[in-house]
N, C-alpha and C. Protein backbone atom coordinates (compact mmCIF):
# COMPACT_ATOMS: atom_id res chain seq x y z
N MET A 1 30.92 18.51 34.53
CA MET A 1 30.14 18.15 33.70
C MET A 1 30.40 18.05 32.34
N LEU A 2 29.75 17.21 31.10
CA LEU A 2 30.02 17.12 29.73
C LEU A 2 28.56 17.38 29.43
N VAL A 3 28.33 18.56 28.68
CA VAL A 3 26.81 18.84 28.44
C VAL A 3 27.33 19.08 26.58
N ASP A 4 26.32 18.66 26.08
CA ASP A 4 26.31 19.21 24.18
C ASP A 4 25.12 20.30 24.47
N ALA A 5 25.50 21.61 23.76
CA ALA A 5 24.75 22.63 24.15
C ALA A 5 25.18 23.90 23.55
N GLU A 6 23.50 24.39 23.56
CA GLU A 6 24.36 26.26 22.19
C GLU A 6 25.19 27.21 23.33
N PHE A 7 25.65 27.75 22.72
CA PHE A 7 26.81 28.32 23.45
C PHE A 7 26.58 29.40 22.49
N ASN A 8 26.57 30.97 23.54
CA ASN A 8 26.33 32.33 21.57
C ASN A 8 25.71 31.97 20.68
N GLY A 9 24.30 30.92 20.87
CA GLY A 9 23.86 30.55 19.49
C GLY A 9 24.61 29.38 18.56
N GLN A 10 25.59 28.78 19.10
CA GLN A 10 26.14 27.87 18.03
C GLN A 10 26.26 26.47 18.93
N PRO A 11 25.71 25.13 18.24
CA PRO A 11 25.79 24.06 19.44
C PRO A 11 27.46 24.06 19.73
N ARG A 12 27.57 23.36 20.74
CA ARG A 12 29.21 23.18 21.32
C ARG A 12 28.87 21.78 22.20
N LYS A 13 30.29 21.64 22.26
CA LYS A 13 30.75 20.38 23.04
C LYS A 13 30.97 21.16 24.16
N LEU A 14 30.79 21.11 25.50
CA LEU A 14 31.32 21.98 26.53
C LEU A 14 31.87 21.09 27.23
N LEU A 15 32.41 21.46 28.43
CA LEU A 15 33.40 20.80 29.89
C LEU A 15 32.87 22.21 30.59
N MET A 16 32.15 21.90 31.79
CA MET A 16 31.63 22.68 32.46
C MET A 16 32.51 22.06 33.96
N GLN A 17 33.01 23.36 34.82
CA GLN A 17 33.52 22.90 36.32
C GLN A 17 33.26 23.99 37.10
N ALA A 18 32.56 23.81 37.80
CA ALA A 18 32.66 24.55 39.36
C ALA A 18 34.21 24.30 40.17
N SER A 19 34.91 25.00 40.09
CA SER A 19 36.41 24.74 41.02
C SER A 19 36.42 24.72 41.94
N ARG A 20 37.30 24.38 43.34
CA ARG A 20 37.30 25.06 44.23
C ARG A 20 38.10 25.80 44.81
N ASN A 21 38.57 26.71 43.64
CA ASN A 21 39.43 27.74 43.34
C ASN A 21 38.25 28.69 44.13
N GLY A 22 37.08 28.50 43.31
CA GLY A 22 35.91 29.77 43.32
C GLY A 22 35.72 30.48 42.35
N TYR A 23 36.38 30.16 40.65
CA TYR A 23 36.00 29.99 39.85
C TYR A 23 34.87 29.04 39.16
N PHE A 24 34.26 29.38 38.00
CA PHE A 24 33.89 28.50 37.30
C PHE A 24 34.00 28.42 35.89
N PHE A 25 33.86 27.35 35.46
CA PHE A 25 34.95 27.36 33.95
C PHE A 25 34.13 26.46 33.43
N VAL A 26 34.29 27.25 31.61
CA VAL A 26 33.38 26.63 30.44
C VAL A 26 34.36 26.29 29.72
N LEU A 27 34.37 25.38 28.96
CA LEU A 27 35.77 25.41 28.50
C LEU A 27 34.90 24.05 26.93
N ASP A 28 35.39 24.63 25.42
CA ASP A 28 35.06 23.39 25.15
C ASP A 28 36.02 22.87 24.87
N ARG A 29 35.03 21.23 24.86
CA ARG A 29 36.26 19.97 25.19
C ARG A 29 36.50 19.53 24.00
N THR A 30 36.33 20.12 22.68
CA THR A 30 36.82 19.86 21.58
C THR A 30 38.11 20.17 21.15
N ASN A 31 38.98 21.51 21.60
CA ASN A 31 39.95 21.92 21.56
C ASN A 31 40.44 22.41 22.73
N GLY A 32 39.73 22.44 23.87
CA GLY A 32 39.96 22.60 24.60
C GLY A 32 40.33 24.63 25.74
N LYS A 33 39.77 24.73 24.67
CA LYS A 33 39.83 26.54 24.61
C LYS A 33 38.10 27.37 25.58
N SER A 34 38.72 28.49 26.69
CA SER A 34 38.36 28.54 27.79
C SER A 34 36.82 29.44 26.77
N LEU A 35 36.13 29.27 27.10
CA LEU A 35 34.53 30.24 26.66
C LEU A 35 34.01 31.03 27.34
N ARG A 36 34.35 30.46 28.62
CA ARG A 36 33.98 31.40 30.01
C ARG A 36 34.26 30.74 31.38
N THR A 37 34.58 32.11 32.24
CA THR A 37 35.34 32.22 33.24
C THR A 37 35.10 33.39 34.26
N ALA A 38 34.58 32.81 35.25
CA ALA A 38 33.18 33.56 36.33
C ALA A 38 34.07 33.31 37.52
N PRO A 39 33.73 34.26 38.74
CA PRO A 39 33.83 33.91 40.21
C PRO A 39 32.57 33.67 40.42
N PHE A 40 31.96 32.05 41.26
CA PHE A 40 30.80 31.99 41.61
C PHE A 40 30.77 31.99 43.24
N ALA A 41 31.88 32.21 43.83
CA ALA A 41 32.28 32.72 45.48
C ALA A 41 33.10 33.93 45.40
N THR A 42 33.34 34.15 47.14
CA THR A 42 34.74 35.19 46.98
C THR A 42 35.60 35.36 46.60
N VAL A 43 36.41 35.27 45.92
CA VAL A 43 37.73 35.30 45.44
C VAL A 43 38.76 36.15 45.80
N ASN A 44 39.81 35.92 47.07
CA ASN A 44 40.64 36.95 46.88
C ASN A 44 42.07 36.90 46.48
N TRP A 45 42.52 35.52 46.12
CA TRP A 45 43.56 35.11 45.62
C TRP A 45 44.00 35.34 44.54
N ALA A 46 42.81 36.23 43.72
CA ALA A 46 43.42 36.26 42.19
C ALA A 46 43.13 37.62 42.33
N ARG A 47 44.07 38.41 41.04
CA ARG A 47 43.47 39.70 40.84
C ARG A 47 42.65 40.01 39.75
N GLY A 48 42.36 38.47 39.02
CA GLY A 48 41.13 39.02 37.47
C GLY A 48 41.47 37.78 37.06
N ILE A 49 41.04 37.73 35.88
CA ILE A 49 41.05 36.78 34.74
C ILE A 49 41.79 37.21 33.53
N ASP A 50 42.60 36.15 33.04
CA ASP A 50 44.03 36.93 31.42
C ASP A 50 42.68 36.56 30.30
N SER A 51 43.10 37.07 29.56
CA SER A 51 42.63 37.32 27.83
C SER A 51 42.45 35.42 27.63
N LEU A 52 42.87 34.75 28.69
CA LEU A 52 42.57 32.98 27.78
C LEU A 52 41.97 32.31 28.72
N GLY A 53 41.19 33.30 30.11
CA GLY A 53 40.34 32.50 31.13
C GLY A 53 40.76 32.16 32.36
N ARG A 54 42.34 32.52 32.24
CA ARG A 54 42.69 31.73 33.18
C ARG A 54 43.00 33.22 34.35
N PRO A 55 42.37 32.35 35.92
CA PRO A 55 42.53 33.61 37.27
C PRO A 55 44.35 33.78 36.95
N ILE A 56 44.20 35.31 37.63
CA ILE A 56 45.79 35.90 37.58
C ILE A 56 46.08 35.79 39.09
N PRO A 57 46.98 35.30 39.59
CA PRO A 57 47.49 35.16 41.32
C PRO A 57 47.54 36.14 41.89
N ASP A 58 47.07 36.63 42.62
CA ASP A 58 47.81 37.68 43.49
C ASP A 58 49.11 37.79 44.23
N ARG A 59 50.06 37.90 43.76
CA ARG A 59 50.88 38.02 44.74
C ARG A 59 51.60 37.71 45.88
N SER A 60 50.40 38.62 46.35
CA SER A 60 50.61 39.13 47.90
C SER A 60 50.10 38.56 48.76
N LYS A 61 49.54 37.39 48.03
CA LYS A 61 48.74 36.22 48.75
C LYS A 61 49.66 34.79 48.79
N GLU A 62 50.63 35.08 47.92
CA GLU A 62 51.26 33.61 48.42
C GLU A 62 51.65 33.65 49.88
N PRO A 63 52.11 32.45 50.65
CA PRO A 63 52.85 32.12 51.46
C PRO A 63 54.02 32.78 51.64
N THR A 64 54.31 33.09 53.07
CA THR A 64 55.88 33.76 53.44
C THR A 64 55.52 33.02 55.15
N ARG A 65 57.10 33.01 55.24
CA ARG A 65 57.59 32.53 56.44
C ARG A 65 56.90 33.57 57.52
N ALA A 66 56.67 34.70 57.28
CA ALA A 66 55.85 35.58 58.23
C ALA A 66 54.16 35.29 58.22
N GLY A 67 54.05 35.06 57.60
CA GLY A 67 52.32 34.77 57.21
C GLY A 67 51.96 35.70 56.02
N VAL A 68 50.88 35.15 56.08
CA VAL A 68 49.91 36.37 54.77
C VAL A 68 48.22 36.18 55.46
N LEU A 69 47.75 36.68 55.06
CA LEU A 69 46.12 36.86 55.61
C LEU A 69 45.50 36.72 54.08
C-alpha cells in the first residue's frame, strides 16, 4: 500500500506491506530505507531483525534430505 503520512512526526511517502513471510514492512518509498519491520503472525523461520530491517533466517529451519520441522 502506498501512503503519504506522518512517521515519527515527519511527513513521509511510505510503502507498507504485510508479507506472507509473517512480517509487516514500512519503507520510505523515496529512498527504499526500512523504517519499521515487525512480525504480525507467529514467525519461526527467522531469528529476528537485523539493523537494516531485514529478517535474519534461522539456518536450522532450512530444508534437508532428512526433513525439518
